[in-house]
């Protein structure tokens, strides 16, 4: 199996149940059962859920049952707060997509790395996704995990610039920031007020759902051969 060759966690994404708490929980448990029957421990599995209110609520239940969750399509601070309160294992903000949205939808077309709008959605343990340039990557130095394309990895390998730590738990603890707690009404309002997050979350769910359909069709086609 492919899983046997992988050294990291195995992820299964539940995208078409992004607004269904019970459906997401049921599907996640079916995934876990299938993996365990194949000899893959649930400790290696990350159930990937959209960072909708329903997805986060499902993750809260699953985490209490020892099923680790990776919250994706995270674009807003409200989503990050809700995920932290739910005690999820991993969040995946999309720095590159945030950057692209601001370039497309605002008058500002260039950003210095320290001012990159995608940077400010990462003040927690997380896996940053799909950076667009090395400047974004170095400004996230200290992040738990990063998804970096081969071309950017090659540029970093050739770079002689010194990279300093930008994100650290110790420094975060020193910040004078009041603890924020969100209920469903406040979460939905804050998300609605964030045009970028609202756009990218909906778009991401649609795209992932479409990809799931394509994958199913490919598998059905192969099985008929």
C-alpha atoms as a PDB file:
ATOM      1  CA  UNK A   1       0.000   0.000   0.000  1.00  0.00           C
ATOM      2  CA  UNK A   2       0.984   3.601  -0.539  1.00  0.00           C
ATOM      3  CA  UNK A   3       0.404   4.255   3.178  1.00  0.00           C
ATOM      4  CA  UNK A   4       3.131   1.740   4.063  1.00  0.00           C
ATOM      5  CA  UNK A   5       5.657   3.742   2.041  1.00  0.00           C
ATOM      6  CA  UNK A   6       4.784   7.071   3.634  1.00  0.00           C
ATOM      7  CA  UNK A   7       6.833   8.246   6.618  1.00  0.00           C
ATOM      8  CA  UNK A   8       4.429  11.015   7.659  1.00  0.00           C
ATOM      9  CA  UNK A   9       0.755  11.197   8.523  1.00  0.00           C
ATOM     10  CA  UNK A  10      -1.938   9.993   6.149  1.00  0.00           C
ATOM     11  CA  UNK A  11      -4.732  12.472   5.400  1.00  0.00           C
ATOM     12  CA  UNK A  12      -8.297  11.867   4.268  1.00  0.00           C
ATOM     13  CA  UNK A  13     -10.366  14.897   3.290  1.00  0.00           C
ATOM     14  CA  UNK A  14     -14.122  15.161   3.919  1.00  0.00           C
ATOM     15  CA  UNK A  15     -15.081  18.115   1.699  1.00  0.00           C
ATOM     16  CA  UNK A  16     -18.651  17.446   0.574  1.00  0.00           C
ATOM     17  CA  UNK A  17     -19.879  17.328   4.176  1.00  0.00           C
ATOM     18  CA  UNK A  18     -18.478  20.740   5.078  1.00  0.00           C
ATOM     19  CA  UNK A  19     -21.835  21.880   6.491  1.00  0.00           C
ATOM     20  CA  UNK A  20     -22.844  18.587   8.127  1.00  0.00           C
ATOM     21  CA  UNK A  21     -21.546  17.928  11.648  1.00  0.00           C
ATOM     22  CA  UNK A  22     -22.958  14.443  12.132  1.00  0.00           C
ATOM     23  CA  UNK A  23     -22.200  13.412   8.565  1.00  0.00           C
ATOM     24  CA  UNK A  24     -18.569  14.479   8.955  1.00  0.00           C
ATOM     25  CA  UNK A  25     -18.195  12.565  12.218  1.00  0.00           C
ATOM     26  CA  UNK A  26     -19.718   9.419  10.727  1.00  0.00           C
ATOM     27  CA  UNK A  27     -17.549   9.629   7.601  1.00  0.00           C
ATOM     28  CA  UNK A  28     -14.413  10.203   9.658  1.00  0.00           C
ATOM     29  CA  UNK A  29     -15.073   7.133  11.768  1.00  0.00           C
ATOM     30  CA  UNK A  30     -15.606   5.062   8.611  1.00  0.00           C
ATOM     31  CA  UNK A  31     -12.226   6.269   7.315  1.00  0.00           C
ATOM     32  CA  UNK A  32     -10.539   5.343  10.584  1.00  0.00           C
ATOM     33  CA  UNK A  33     -12.131   1.873  10.574  1.00  0.00           C
ATOM     34  CA  UNK A  34     -11.020   1.255   6.977  1.00  0.00           C
ATOM     35  CA  UNK A  35      -7.460   2.344   7.750  1.00  0.00           C
ATOM     36  CA  UNK A  36      -7.266   0.192  10.878  1.00  0.00           C
ATOM     37  CA  UNK A  37      -8.551  -2.827   8.934  1.00  0.00           C
ATOM     38  CA  UNK A  38      -5.698  -2.186   6.503  1.00  0.00           C
ATOM     39  CA  UNK A  39      -3.208  -2.137   9.379  1.00  0.00           C
ATOM     40  CA  UNK A  40      -2.801   1.656   9.567  1.00  0.00           C
ATOM     41  CA  UNK A  41      -3.031   2.980  13.120  1.00  0.00           C
ATOM     42  CA  UNK A  42      -5.407   5.883  13.720  1.00  0.00           C
ATOM     43  CA  UNK A  43      -2.490   7.728  15.340  1.00  0.00           C
ATOM     44  CA  UNK A  44      -1.099   8.190  11.819  1.00  0.00           C
ATOM     45  CA  UNK A  45      -4.364   9.440  10.364  1.00  0.00           C
ATOM     46  CA  UNK A  46      -5.367  13.078  10.015  1.00  0.00           C
ATOM     47  CA  UNK A  47      -9.007  13.664   9.112  1.00  0.00           C
ATOM     48  CA  UNK A  48      -9.060  16.757   6.944  1.00  0.00           C
ATOM     49  CA  UNK A  49     -12.077  19.021   7.384  1.00  0.00           C
ATOM     50  CA  UNK A  50     -13.072  22.422   6.028  1.00  0.00           C
ATOM     51  CA  UNK A  51     -12.853  25.227   8.590  1.00  0.00           C
ATOM     52  CA  UNK A  52     -16.575  25.920   8.544  1.00  0.00           C
ATOM     53  CA  UNK A  53     -18.456  26.139  11.844  1.00  0.00           C
ATOM     54  CA  UNK A  54     -19.815  22.644  11.206  1.00  0.00           C
ATOM     55  CA  UNK A  55     -16.404  21.263  10.303  1.00  0.00           C
ATOM     56  CA  UNK A  56     -14.849  22.689  13.465  1.00  0.00           C
ATOM     57  CA  UNK A  57     -17.685  21.336  15.616  1.00  0.00           C
ATOM     58  CA  UNK A  58     -17.161  17.894  14.078  1.00  0.00           C
ATOM     59  CA  UNK A  59     -13.437  18.125  14.785  1.00  0.00           C
ATOM     60  CA  UNK A  60     -14.134  19.006  18.424  1.00  0.00           C
ATOM     61  CA  UNK A  61     -16.060  15.740  18.844  1.00  0.00           C
ATOM     62  CA  UNK A  62     -13.524  13.651  16.910  1.00  0.00           C
ATOM     63  CA  UNK A  63     -10.526  15.003  18.820  1.00  0.00           C
ATOM     64  CA  UNK A  64     -12.170  14.029  22.118  1.00  0.00           C
ATOM     65  CA  UNK A  65     -12.389  10.489  20.754  1.00  0.00           C
ATOM     66  CA  UNK A  66      -8.708  10.429  19.838  1.00  0.00           C
ATOM     67  CA  UNK A  67      -9.205  11.050  16.120  1.00  0.00           C
ATOM     68  CA  UNK A  68      -6.786  13.727  14.928  1.00  0.00           C
ATOM     69  CA  UNK A  69      -8.086  16.485  12.657  1.00  0.00           C
ATOM     70  CA  UNK A  70      -6.442  18.821  10.160  1.00  0.00           C
ATOM     71  CA  UNK A  71      -8.569  21.921   9.533  1.00  0.00           C
ATOM     72  CA  UNK A  72      -8.045  23.283   6.042  1.00  0.00           C
ATOM     73  CA  UNK A  73      -9.324  26.231   3.997  1.00  0.00           C
ATOM     74  CA  UNK A  74      -8.517  28.527   6.902  1.00  0.00           C
ATOM     75  CA  UNK A  75      -8.377  32.183   5.880  1.00  0.00           C
ATOM     76  CA  UNK A  76      -9.730  34.207   8.806  1.00  0.00           C
ATOM     77  CA  UNK A  77      -8.689  34.886  12.388  1.00  0.00           C
ATOM     78  CA  UNK A  78     -12.145  33.781  13.553  1.00  0.00           C
ATOM     79  CA  UNK A  79     -11.531  30.353  12.015  1.00  0.00           C
ATOM     80  CA  UNK A  80      -8.162  30.080  13.764  1.00  0.00           C
ATOM     81  CA  UNK A  81      -9.689  31.019  17.132  1.00  0.00           C
ATOM     82  CA  UNK A  82     -12.507  28.472  16.759  1.00  0.00           C
ATOM     83  CA  UNK A  83     -10.017  25.760  15.774  1.00  0.00           C
ATOM     84  CA  UNK A  84      -7.830  26.528  18.789  1.00  0.00           C
ATOM     85  CA  UNK A  85     -10.838  26.360  21.100  1.00  0.00           C
ATOM     86  CA  UNK A  86     -11.834  23.025  19.549  1.00  0.00           C
ATOM     87  CA  UNK A  87      -8.378  21.613  20.294  1.00  0.00           C
ATOM     88  CA  UNK A  88      -7.690  20.431  16.753  1.00  0.00           C
ATOM     89  CA  UNK A  89      -4.365  18.808  15.932  1.00  0.00           C
ATOM     90  CA  UNK A  90      -3.425  20.937  12.920  1.00  0.00           C
ATOM     91  CA  UNK A  91      -4.629  23.975  10.965  1.00  0.00           C
ATOM     92  CA  UNK A  92      -3.682  24.785   7.379  1.00  0.00           C
ATOM     93  CA  UNK A  93      -3.936  28.471   6.417  1.00  0.00           C
ATOM     94  CA  UNK A  94      -3.328  29.243   2.732  1.00  0.00           C
ATOM     95  CA  UNK A  95      -0.828  32.099   2.578  1.00  0.00           C
ATOM     96  CA  UNK A  96      -0.584  32.044  -1.213  1.00  0.00           C
ATOM     97  CA  UNK A  97      -4.323  32.211  -1.800  1.00  0.00           C
ATOM     98  CA  UNK A  98      -4.720  35.076   0.674  1.00  0.00           C
ATOM     99  CA  UNK A  99      -1.940  36.964  -1.102  1.00  0.00           C
ATOM    100  CA  UNK A 100      -3.536  36.364  -4.519  1.00  0.00           C
ATOM    101  CA  UNK A 101      -6.937  37.608  -3.334  1.00  0.00           C
ATOM    102  CA  UNK A 102      -5.557  40.901  -2.070  1.00  0.00           C
ATOM    103  CA  UNK A 103      -3.558  41.484  -5.250  1.00  0.00           C
ATOM    104  CA  UNK A 104      -6.656  40.821  -7.363  1.00  0.00           C
ATOM    105  CA  UNK A 105      -9.213  42.685  -5.249  1.00  0.00           C
ATOM    106  CA  UNK A 106      -7.362  45.693  -3.845  1.00  0.00           C
ATOM    107  CA  UNK A 107      -5.359  48.569  -5.309  1.00  0.00           C
ATOM    108  CA  UNK A 108      -2.156  47.324  -3.721  1.00  0.00           C
ATOM    109  CA  UNK A 109      -0.417  44.913  -6.097  1.00  0.00           C
ATOM    110  CA  UNK A 110       2.896  44.420  -4.288  1.00  0.00           C
ATOM    111  CA  UNK A 111       3.616  43.588  -0.662  1.00  0.00           C
ATOM    112  CA  UNK A 112       6.835  43.427   1.305  1.00  0.00           C
ATOM    113  CA  UNK A 113       7.119  40.028   3.031  1.00  0.00           C
ATOM    114  CA  UNK A 114       6.590  41.529   6.490  1.00  0.00           C
ATOM    115  CA  UNK A 115       3.408  43.235   5.242  1.00  0.00           C
ATOM    116  CA  UNK A 116       2.066  40.259   3.289  1.00  0.00           C
ATOM    117  CA  UNK A 117      -1.643  39.946   4.199  1.00  0.00           C
ATOM    118  CA  UNK A 118      -1.272  36.181   4.316  1.00  0.00           C
ATOM    119  CA  UNK A 119       1.232  36.434   7.150  1.00  0.00           C
ATOM    120  CA  UNK A 120      -1.213  37.510   9.816  1.00  0.00           C
ATOM    121  CA  UNK A 121      -3.254  34.324   9.825  1.00  0.00           C
ATOM    122  CA  UNK A 122      -0.528  32.190  11.341  1.00  0.00           C
ATOM    123  CA  UNK A 123      -0.212  33.057  15.045  1.00  0.00           C
ATOM    124  CA  UNK A 124      -0.757  29.484  16.211  1.00  0.00           C
ATOM    125  CA  UNK A 125       0.676  26.019  15.575  1.00  0.00           C
ATOM    126  CA  UNK A 126      -0.053  25.388  11.941  1.00  0.00           C
ATOM    127  CA  UNK A 127       0.920  24.115   8.521  1.00  0.00           C
ATOM    128  CA  UNK A 128       1.168  26.962   6.049  1.00  0.00           C
ATOM    129  CA  UNK A 129       0.069  26.032   2.545  1.00  0.00           C
ATOM    130  CA  UNK A 130       1.134  26.998  -0.948  1.00  0.00           C
ATOM    131  CA  UNK A 131       3.468  29.948  -0.523  1.00  0.00           C
ATOM    132  CA  UNK A 132       4.062  31.933  -3.719  1.00  0.00           C
ATOM    133  CA  UNK A 133       7.618  33.148  -3.160  1.00  0.00           C
ATOM    134  CA  UNK A 134      10.633  32.680  -0.894  1.00  0.00           C
ATOM    135  CA  UNK A 135       9.891  35.944   0.913  1.00  0.00           C
ATOM    136  CA  UNK A 136       6.630  34.530   2.219  1.00  0.00           C
ATOM    137  CA  UNK A 137       8.427  31.391   3.343  1.00  0.00           C
ATOM    138  CA  UNK A 138      11.213  33.152   5.248  1.00  0.00           C
ATOM    139  CA  UNK A 139       8.685  35.420   6.970  1.00  0.00           C
ATOM    140  CA  UNK A 140       7.076  32.236   8.318  1.00  0.00           C
ATOM    141  CA  UNK A 141      10.315  30.851   9.762  1.00  0.00           C
ATOM    142  CA  UNK A 142       9.402  29.022  12.957  1.00  0.00           C
ATOM    143  CA  UNK A 143       6.083  27.707  11.663  1.00  0.00           C
ATOM    144  CA  UNK A 144       5.458  24.062  12.594  1.00  0.00           C
ATOM    145  CA  UNK A 145       5.054  22.823   9.012  1.00  0.00           C
ATOM    146  CA  UNK A 146       5.232  24.374   5.562  1.00  0.00           C
ATOM    147  CA  UNK A 147       4.023  23.153   2.181  1.00  0.00           C
ATOM    148  CA  UNK A 148       6.683  24.338  -0.280  1.00  0.00           C
ATOM    149  CA  UNK A 149       6.822  23.669  -4.022  1.00  0.00           C
ATOM    150  CA  UNK A 150       9.941  22.012  -5.519  1.00  0.00           C
ATOM    151  CA  UNK A 151      10.821  25.204  -7.426  1.00  0.00           C
ATOM    152  CA  UNK A 152      10.827  27.299  -4.232  1.00  0.00           C
ATOM    153  CA  UNK A 153      12.769  24.614  -2.368  1.00  0.00           C
ATOM    154  CA  UNK A 154      15.424  24.840  -5.057  1.00  0.00           C
ATOM    155  CA  UNK A 155      15.578  28.640  -4.721  1.00  0.00           C
ATOM    156  CA  UNK A 156      15.928  28.352  -0.946  1.00  0.00           C
ATOM    157  CA  UNK A 157      18.684  25.800  -1.352  1.00  0.00           C
ATOM    158  CA  UNK A 158      20.636  28.198  -3.559  1.00  0.00           C
ATOM    159  CA  UNK A 159      20.009  31.236  -1.370  1.00  0.00           C
ATOM    160  CA  UNK A 160      22.813  32.592   0.821  1.00  0.00           C
ATOM    161  CA  UNK A 161      20.596  34.918   2.847  1.00  0.00           C
ATOM    162  CA  UNK A 162      20.387  34.455   6.600  1.00  0.00           C
ATOM    163  CA  UNK A 163      16.952  33.364   7.802  1.00  0.00           C
ATOM    164  CA  UNK A 164      15.968  34.550  11.269  1.00  0.00           C
ATOM    165  CA  UNK A 165      13.215  33.168  13.475  1.00  0.00           C
ATOM    166  CA  UNK A 166       9.946  35.036  12.919  1.00  0.00           C
ATOM    167  CA  UNK A 167       7.377  32.881  14.724  1.00  0.00           C
ATOM    168  CA  UNK A 168       7.926  31.453  18.192  1.00  0.00           C
ATOM    169  CA  UNK A 169       5.736  30.258  21.024  1.00  0.00           C
ATOM    170  CA  UNK A 170       7.811  32.168  23.592  1.00  0.00           C
ATOM    171  CA  UNK A 171       7.394  35.469  21.766  1.00  0.00           C
ATOM    172  CA  UNK A 172       3.694  34.824  21.237  1.00  0.00           C
ATOM    173  CA  UNK A 173       3.212  34.321  24.973  1.00  0.00           C
ATOM    174  CA  UNK A 174       4.671  37.785  25.611  1.00  0.00           C
ATOM    175  CA  UNK A 175       2.022  39.509  23.501  1.00  0.00           C
ATOM    176  CA  UNK A 176      -0.545  41.575  25.383  1.00  0.00           C
ATOM    177  CA  UNK A 177      -3.583  40.078  23.655  1.00  0.00           C
ATOM    178  CA  UNK A 178      -6.901  39.374  25.319  1.00  0.00           C
ATOM    179  CA  UNK A 179      -8.250  35.845  24.950  1.00  0.00           C
ATOM    180  CA  UNK A 180     -11.065  35.689  22.413  1.00  0.00           C
ATOM    181  CA  UNK A 181     -13.896  33.183  22.621  1.00  0.00           C
ATOM    182  CA  UNK A 182     -16.442  32.645  19.858  1.00  0.00           C
ATOM    183  CA  UNK A 183     -19.918  31.181  19.792  1.00  0.00           C
ATOM    184  CA  UNK A 184     -21.613  30.251  16.512  1.00  0.00           C
ATOM    185  CA  UNK A 185     -23.288  33.635  16.006  1.00  0.00           C
ATOM    186  CA  UNK A 186     -20.089  35.595  16.543  1.00  0.00           C
ATOM    187  CA  UNK A 187     -18.089  33.197  14.365  1.00  0.00           C
ATOM    188  CA  UNK A 188     -20.499  33.487  11.445  1.00  0.00           C
ATOM    189  CA  UNK A 189     -20.661  37.272  11.749  1.00  0.00           C
ATOM    190  CA  UNK A 190     -16.883  37.730  11.814  1.00  0.00           C
ATOM    191  CA  UNK A 191     -16.410  35.341   8.893  1.00  0.00           C
ATOM    192  CA  UNK A 192     -19.120  37.132   6.926  1.00  0.00           C
ATOM    193  CA  UNK A 193     -17.389  40.474   7.552  1.00  0.00           C
ATOM    194  CA  UNK A 194     -14.167  39.115   6.027  1.00  0.00           C
ATOM    195  CA  UNK A 195     -14.753  39.266   2.270  1.00  0.00           C
ATOM    196  CA  UNK A 196     -11.505  37.501   1.431  1.00  0.00           C
ATOM    197  CA  UNK A 197     -12.128  34.590   3.803  1.00  0.00           C
ATOM    198  CA  UNK A 198     -15.751  34.219   2.712  1.00  0.00           C
ATOM    199  CA  UNK A 199     -14.761  34.131  -0.967  1.00  0.00           C
ATOM    200  CA  UNK A 200     -11.840  31.748  -0.595  1.00  0.00           C
ATOM    201  CA  UNK A 201     -13.588  29.344   1.786  1.00  0.00           C
ATOM    202  CA  UNK A 202     -16.587  28.915  -0.541  1.00  0.00           C
ATOM    203  CA  UNK A 203     -14.355  28.650  -3.600  1.00  0.00           C
ATOM    204  CA  UNK A 204     -12.102  26.099  -1.927  1.00  0.00           C
ATOM    205  CA  UNK A 205     -14.999  23.851  -0.917  1.00  0.00           C
ATOM    206  CA  UNK A 206     -16.400  23.944  -4.458  1.00  0.00           C
ATOM    207  CA  UNK A 207     -13.033  23.099  -5.997  1.00  0.00           C
ATOM    208  CA  UNK A 208     -12.259  20.270  -3.586  1.00  0.00           C
ATOM    209  CA  UNK A 209     -15.763  18.838  -4.096  1.00  0.00           C
ATOM    210  CA  UNK A 210     -15.307  18.939  -7.866  1.00  0.00           C
ATOM    211  CA  UNK A 211     -11.931  17.196  -7.532  1.00  0.00           C
ATOM    212  CA  UNK A 212     -13.540  14.482  -5.403  1.00  0.00           C
ATOM    213  CA  UNK A 213     -16.082  13.822  -8.146  1.00  0.00           C
ATOM    214  CA  UNK A 214     -13.309  13.624 -10.753  1.00  0.00           C
ATOM    215  CA  UNK A 215     -11.375  11.164  -8.593  1.00  0.00           C
ATOM    216  CA  UNK A 216     -14.429   8.964  -8.148  1.00  0.00           C
ATOM    217  CA  UNK A 217     -15.018   8.931 -11.894  1.00  0.00           C
ATOM    218  CA  UNK A 218     -11.384   8.000 -12.522  1.00  0.00           C
ATOM    219  CA  UNK A 219     -11.584   5.126 -10.047  1.00  0.00           C
ATOM    220  CA  UNK A 220     -14.854   3.858 -11.531  1.00  0.00           C
ATOM    221  CA  UNK A 221     -13.315   4.001 -14.995  1.00  0.00           C
ATOM    222  CA  UNK A 222     -10.249   2.030 -13.885  1.00  0.00           C
ATOM    223  CA  UNK A 223     -12.383  -0.600 -12.137  1.00  0.00           C
ATOM    224  CA  UNK A 224     -14.322  -1.236 -15.346  1.00  0.00           C
ATOM    225  CA  UNK A 225     -11.151  -2.119 -17.252  1.00  0.00           C
END
